[in-house]
């Protein structure tokens, strides 16, 4: 996940999107990022099944299994409009939960 975050930060698709001449580059950056997101979701599916199901719905793909690691996203499955999938949990929140339950 850190490498993908670095990739996005280095490529700055929000900046590329401002230049119509760079549409192909924007397509590549977004495609790589979405594919990495799909793979990370697949790896996390056993521990975050509800989030994974929401991502599968967002990407318009059938429920993923381990064999889908080699299946890439396709333009045949249009991505749905953005919706917030989860809220980041910060370290102080985790510490408070642990303290409350010890």
N, C-alpha and C. Protein backbone atom coordinates (compact mmCIF):
# COMPACT_ATOMS: atom_id res chain seq x y z
N UNK A 1 0.83 -1.20 0.00
CA UNK A 1 0.00 0.00 0.00
C UNK A 1 0.87 1.26 0.00
N UNK A 2 1.97 1.21 0.75
CA UNK A 2 2.86 2.38 0.79
C UNK A 2 3.46 2.67 -0.58
N UNK A 3 3.81 1.62 -1.31
CA UNK A 3 4.39 1.81 -2.65
C UNK A 3 3.36 2.41 -3.61
N UNK A 4 2.12 1.97 -3.50
CA UNK A 4 1.07 2.53 -4.36
C UNK A 4 0.82 3.98 -4.00
N UNK A 5 0.78 4.28 -2.70
CA UNK A 5 0.61 5.68 -2.28
C UNK A 5 1.75 6.54 -2.83
N UNK A 6 2.97 6.02 -2.78
CA UNK A 6 4.12 6.76 -3.32
C UNK A 6 3.98 6.94 -4.83
N UNK A 7 3.52 5.90 -5.52
CA UNK A 7 3.31 5.97 -6.97
C UNK A 7 2.33 7.09 -7.32
N UNK A 8 1.22 7.13 -6.60
CA UNK A 8 0.20 8.16 -6.85
C UNK A 8 0.77 9.54 -6.54
N UNK A 9 1.47 9.65 -5.41
CA UNK A 9 2.03 10.95 -5.03
C UNK A 9 3.07 11.43 -6.04
N UNK A 10 3.89 10.52 -6.54
CA UNK A 10 4.92 10.88 -7.53
C UNK A 10 4.30 11.28 -8.87
N UNK A 11 3.23 10.60 -9.27
CA UNK A 11 2.63 10.85 -10.58
C UNK A 11 1.57 11.95 -10.58
N UNK A 12 1.01 12.23 -9.43
CA UNK A 12 0.04 13.33 -9.26
C UNK A 12 -1.04 13.36 -10.36
N UNK A 13 -1.90 12.35 -10.38
CA UNK A 13 -2.93 12.33 -11.43
C UNK A 13 -3.83 13.55 -11.42
N UNK A 14 -4.03 14.18 -10.27
CA UNK A 14 -4.85 15.39 -10.20
C UNK A 14 -4.20 16.53 -10.98
N UNK A 15 -2.89 16.51 -11.10
CA UNK A 15 -2.20 17.51 -11.92
C UNK A 15 -2.26 17.13 -13.40
N UNK A 16 -2.03 15.84 -13.68
CA UNK A 16 -2.08 15.36 -15.07
C UNK A 16 -3.45 15.64 -15.68
N UNK A 17 -4.50 15.49 -14.88
CA UNK A 17 -5.88 15.67 -15.37
C UNK A 17 -6.14 17.09 -15.87
N UNK A 18 -5.34 18.04 -15.45
CA UNK A 18 -5.53 19.44 -15.88
C UNK A 18 -5.04 19.68 -17.30
N UNK A 19 -4.27 18.73 -17.85
CA UNK A 19 -3.69 18.90 -19.18
C UNK A 19 -4.29 17.89 -20.16
N UNK A 20 -5.17 18.31 -21.06
CA UNK A 20 -5.81 17.39 -22.01
C UNK A 20 -4.81 16.63 -22.88
N UNK A 21 -3.63 17.18 -23.07
CA UNK A 21 -2.60 16.53 -23.89
C UNK A 21 -2.03 15.28 -23.20
N UNK A 22 -2.27 15.15 -21.91
CA UNK A 22 -1.69 14.04 -21.14
C UNK A 22 -2.74 12.98 -20.77
N UNK A 23 -3.80 12.90 -21.56
CA UNK A 23 -4.89 11.97 -21.26
C UNK A 23 -4.42 10.52 -21.20
N UNK A 24 -3.54 10.12 -22.12
CA UNK A 24 -3.04 8.74 -22.13
C UNK A 24 -2.23 8.44 -20.87
N UNK A 25 -1.45 9.41 -20.43
CA UNK A 25 -0.66 9.25 -19.20
C UNK A 25 -1.59 9.13 -17.99
N UNK A 26 -2.62 9.96 -17.97
CA UNK A 26 -3.61 9.90 -16.88
C UNK A 26 -4.29 8.54 -16.85
N UNK A 27 -4.66 8.03 -18.01
CA UNK A 27 -5.30 6.71 -18.11
C UNK A 27 -4.38 5.64 -17.52
N UNK A 28 -3.10 5.71 -17.85
CA UNK A 28 -2.14 4.71 -17.36
C UNK A 28 -2.00 4.78 -15.84
N UNK A 29 -1.81 5.99 -15.31
CA UNK A 29 -1.64 6.15 -13.86
C UNK A 29 -2.88 5.66 -13.12
N UNK A 30 -4.05 6.04 -13.59
CA UNK A 30 -5.29 5.62 -12.93
C UNK A 30 -5.51 4.12 -13.05
N UNK A 31 -5.19 3.55 -14.20
CA UNK A 31 -5.36 2.10 -14.39
C UNK A 31 -4.44 1.31 -13.47
N UNK A 32 -3.18 1.73 -13.37
CA UNK A 32 -2.24 1.05 -12.48
C UNK A 32 -2.71 1.15 -11.03
N UNK A 33 -3.17 2.33 -10.65
CA UNK A 33 -3.62 2.55 -9.28
C UNK A 33 -4.86 1.72 -8.95
N UNK A 34 -5.82 1.69 -9.85
CA UNK A 34 -7.03 0.90 -9.61
C UNK A 34 -6.73 -0.60 -9.57
N UNK A 35 -5.83 -1.05 -10.41
CA UNK A 35 -5.46 -2.47 -10.40
C UNK A 35 -4.76 -2.83 -9.09
N UNK A 36 -3.90 -1.96 -8.61
CA UNK A 36 -3.24 -2.20 -7.33
C UNK A 36 -4.26 -2.21 -6.20
N UNK A 37 -5.23 -1.31 -6.26
CA UNK A 37 -6.31 -1.26 -5.27
C UNK A 37 -7.10 -2.57 -5.28
N UNK A 38 -7.36 -3.10 -6.47
CA UNK A 38 -8.07 -4.37 -6.59
C UNK A 38 -7.27 -5.49 -5.94
N UNK A 39 -5.97 -5.54 -6.22
CA UNK A 39 -5.12 -6.59 -5.65
C UNK A 39 -5.02 -6.47 -4.13
N UNK A 40 -4.85 -5.26 -3.62
CA UNK A 40 -4.81 -5.08 -2.17
C UNK A 40 -6.12 -5.52 -1.53
N UNK A 41 -7.22 -5.23 -2.20
CA UNK A 41 -8.53 -5.66 -1.70
C UNK A 41 -8.61 -7.18 -1.65
N UNK A 42 -8.12 -7.84 -2.69
CA UNK A 42 -8.13 -9.30 -2.73
C UNK A 42 -7.33 -9.87 -1.56
N UNK A 43 -6.15 -9.30 -1.30
CA UNK A 43 -5.31 -9.80 -0.20
C UNK A 43 -5.95 -9.56 1.16
N UNK A 44 -6.69 -8.47 1.30
CA UNK A 44 -7.31 -8.14 2.58
C UNK A 44 -8.71 -8.75 2.76
N UNK A 45 -9.24 -9.33 1.71
CA UNK A 45 -10.61 -9.86 1.75
C UNK A 45 -10.87 -10.82 2.91
N UNK A 46 -9.93 -11.72 3.26
CA UNK A 46 -10.21 -12.62 4.38
C UNK A 46 -10.42 -11.91 5.72
N UNK A 47 -9.81 -10.74 5.90
CA UNK A 47 -9.96 -10.04 7.18
C UNK A 47 -10.92 -8.85 7.10
N UNK A 48 -11.22 -8.40 5.90
CA UNK A 48 -12.16 -7.28 5.70
C UNK A 48 -13.18 -7.64 4.62
N UNK A 49 -13.97 -8.70 4.85
CA UNK A 49 -14.87 -9.16 3.79
C UNK A 49 -15.94 -8.16 3.38
N UNK A 50 -16.44 -7.38 4.30
CA UNK A 50 -17.48 -6.40 3.96
C UNK A 50 -16.90 -5.27 3.12
N UNK A 51 -15.73 -4.80 3.48
CA UNK A 51 -15.06 -3.76 2.69
C UNK A 51 -14.76 -4.31 1.30
N UNK A 52 -14.26 -5.55 1.23
CA UNK A 52 -13.96 -6.16 -0.07
C UNK A 52 -15.21 -6.24 -0.93
N UNK A 53 -16.33 -6.61 -0.35
CA UNK A 53 -17.58 -6.69 -1.11
C UNK A 53 -17.98 -5.30 -1.63
N UNK A 54 -17.78 -4.28 -0.82
CA UNK A 54 -18.07 -2.91 -1.27
C UNK A 54 -17.16 -2.50 -2.42
N UNK A 55 -15.89 -2.90 -2.36
CA UNK A 55 -14.94 -2.58 -3.44
C UNK A 55 -15.33 -3.33 -4.71
N UNK A 56 -15.68 -4.60 -4.57
CA UNK A 56 -16.10 -5.39 -5.74
C UNK A 56 -17.31 -4.73 -6.41
N UNK A 57 -18.24 -4.25 -5.60
CA UNK A 57 -19.40 -3.55 -6.15
C UNK A 57 -18.97 -2.26 -6.85
N UNK A 58 -18.10 -1.49 -6.21
CA UNK A 58 -17.60 -0.23 -6.78
C UNK A 58 -16.90 -0.47 -8.12
N UNK A 59 -16.11 -1.55 -8.20
CA UNK A 59 -15.38 -1.86 -9.43
C UNK A 59 -16.23 -2.63 -10.44
N UNK A 60 -17.47 -2.96 -10.07
CA UNK A 60 -18.39 -3.72 -10.94
C UNK A 60 -17.79 -5.07 -11.35
N UNK A 61 -17.20 -5.76 -10.37
CA UNK A 61 -16.62 -7.08 -10.64
C UNK A 61 -17.29 -8.12 -9.75
N UNK A 62 -17.30 -9.38 -10.18
CA UNK A 62 -17.87 -10.42 -9.34
C UNK A 62 -16.99 -10.65 -8.11
N UNK A 63 -17.53 -11.32 -7.10
CA UNK A 63 -16.73 -11.60 -5.90
C UNK A 63 -15.41 -12.28 -6.27
N UNK A 64 -14.32 -11.76 -5.71
CA UNK A 64 -13.00 -12.27 -6.05
C UNK A 64 -12.60 -13.44 -5.17
N UNK A 65 -11.83 -14.34 -5.76
CA UNK A 65 -11.18 -15.43 -5.05
C UNK A 65 -9.70 -15.40 -5.41
N UNK A 66 -8.91 -16.26 -4.79
CA UNK A 66 -7.46 -16.25 -5.01
C UNK A 66 -7.08 -16.41 -6.47
N UNK A 67 -7.85 -17.15 -7.24
CA UNK A 67 -7.53 -17.33 -8.66
C UNK A 67 -7.64 -16.03 -9.45
N UNK A 68 -8.31 -15.04 -8.90
CA UNK A 68 -8.49 -13.76 -9.59
C UNK A 68 -7.26 -12.85 -9.51
N UNK A 69 -6.21 -13.32 -8.84
CA UNK A 69 -5.00 -12.51 -8.75
C UNK A 69 -4.45 -12.21 -10.14
N UNK A 70 -4.68 -13.10 -11.10
CA UNK A 70 -4.17 -12.93 -12.46
C UNK A 70 -5.18 -12.26 -13.40
N UNK A 71 -6.38 -12.01 -12.91
CA UNK A 71 -7.42 -11.38 -13.73
C UNK A 71 -7.35 -9.87 -13.52
N UNK A 72 -7.17 -9.13 -14.59
CA UNK A 72 -7.08 -7.68 -14.46
C UNK A 72 -8.44 -7.03 -14.69
N UNK A 73 -8.54 -5.79 -14.28
CA UNK A 73 -9.76 -5.03 -14.53
C UNK A 73 -9.96 -4.85 -16.02
N UNK A 74 -11.21 -4.70 -16.42
CA UNK A 74 -11.54 -4.60 -17.83
C UNK A 74 -12.49 -3.42 -18.05
N UNK A 75 -12.40 -2.84 -19.23
CA UNK A 75 -13.34 -1.76 -19.56
C UNK A 75 -14.76 -2.29 -19.70
N UNK A 76 -14.91 -3.61 -19.75
CA UNK A 76 -16.24 -4.22 -19.80
C UNK A 76 -16.98 -4.05 -18.48
N UNK A 77 -16.24 -3.72 -17.42
CA UNK A 77 -16.83 -3.51 -16.10
C UNK A 77 -16.59 -2.05 -15.69
N UNK A 78 -17.50 -1.16 -16.07
CA UNK A 78 -17.29 0.26 -15.74
C UNK A 78 -17.32 0.49 -14.23
N UNK A 79 -16.42 1.32 -13.78
CA UNK A 79 -16.33 1.65 -12.36
C UNK A 79 -17.49 2.58 -12.00
N UNK A 80 -18.09 2.33 -10.86
CA UNK A 80 -19.22 3.14 -10.41
C UNK A 80 -18.72 4.48 -9.88
N UNK A 81 -19.61 5.45 -9.74
CA UNK A 81 -19.21 6.75 -9.18
C UNK A 81 -18.61 6.57 -7.78
N UNK A 82 -17.67 7.44 -7.46
CA UNK A 82 -16.97 7.38 -6.18
C UNK A 82 -17.95 7.43 -5.02
N UNK A 83 -17.67 6.60 -4.02
CA UNK A 83 -18.34 6.71 -2.73
C UNK A 83 -17.32 6.33 -1.67
N UNK A 84 -17.44 6.94 -0.52
CA UNK A 84 -16.51 6.70 0.57
C UNK A 84 -16.70 5.26 1.07
N UNK A 85 -15.62 4.48 1.11
CA UNK A 85 -15.72 3.07 1.48
C UNK A 85 -15.41 2.81 2.95
N UNK A 86 -14.53 3.59 3.53
CA UNK A 86 -14.21 3.39 4.95
C UNK A 86 -13.49 4.62 5.48
N UNK A 87 -13.41 4.71 6.79
CA UNK A 87 -12.73 5.82 7.44
C UNK A 87 -11.42 5.32 8.03
N UNK A 88 -10.37 6.09 7.82
CA UNK A 88 -9.06 5.73 8.36
C UNK A 88 -9.12 5.70 9.88
N UNK A 89 -8.52 4.69 10.47
CA UNK A 89 -8.42 4.59 11.91
C UNK A 89 -7.02 5.05 12.30
N UNK A 90 -6.94 6.04 13.15
CA UNK A 90 -5.65 6.59 13.57
C UNK A 90 -5.18 5.90 14.85
N UNK A 91 -3.88 5.93 15.10
CA UNK A 91 -3.28 5.27 16.25
C UNK A 91 -3.95 5.64 17.58
N UNK A 92 -4.25 6.92 17.84
CA UNK A 92 -4.91 7.25 19.12
C UNK A 92 -6.27 6.55 19.29
N UNK A 93 -6.99 6.36 18.20
CA UNK A 93 -8.28 5.67 18.29
C UNK A 93 -8.07 4.20 18.69
N UNK A 94 -7.06 3.57 18.11
CA UNK A 94 -6.76 2.17 18.44
C UNK A 94 -6.34 2.07 19.90
N UNK A 95 -5.48 2.98 20.33
CA UNK A 95 -5.03 2.98 21.72
C UNK A 95 -6.20 3.15 22.68
N UNK A 96 -7.14 4.03 22.35
CA UNK A 96 -8.31 4.25 23.21
C UNK A 96 -9.18 3.01 23.27
N UNK A 97 -9.37 2.34 22.13
CA UNK A 97 -10.16 1.11 22.11
C UNK A 97 -9.50 0.03 22.96
N UNK A 98 -8.19 -0.12 22.81
CA UNK A 98 -7.47 -1.12 23.60
C UNK A 98 -7.54 -0.81 25.08
N UNK A 99 -7.35 0.45 25.44
CA UNK A 99 -7.39 0.85 26.85
C UNK A 99 -8.77 0.61 27.45
N UNK A 100 -9.81 0.85 26.68
CA UNK A 100 -11.17 0.66 27.17
C UNK A 100 -11.53 -0.81 27.35
N UNK A 101 -10.80 -1.68 26.67
CA UNK A 101 -11.14 -3.11 26.72
C UNK A 101 -10.13 -3.95 27.48
N UNK A 102 -9.23 -3.33 28.17
CA UNK A 102 -8.25 -4.09 28.97
C UNK A 102 -8.62 -4.14 30.40
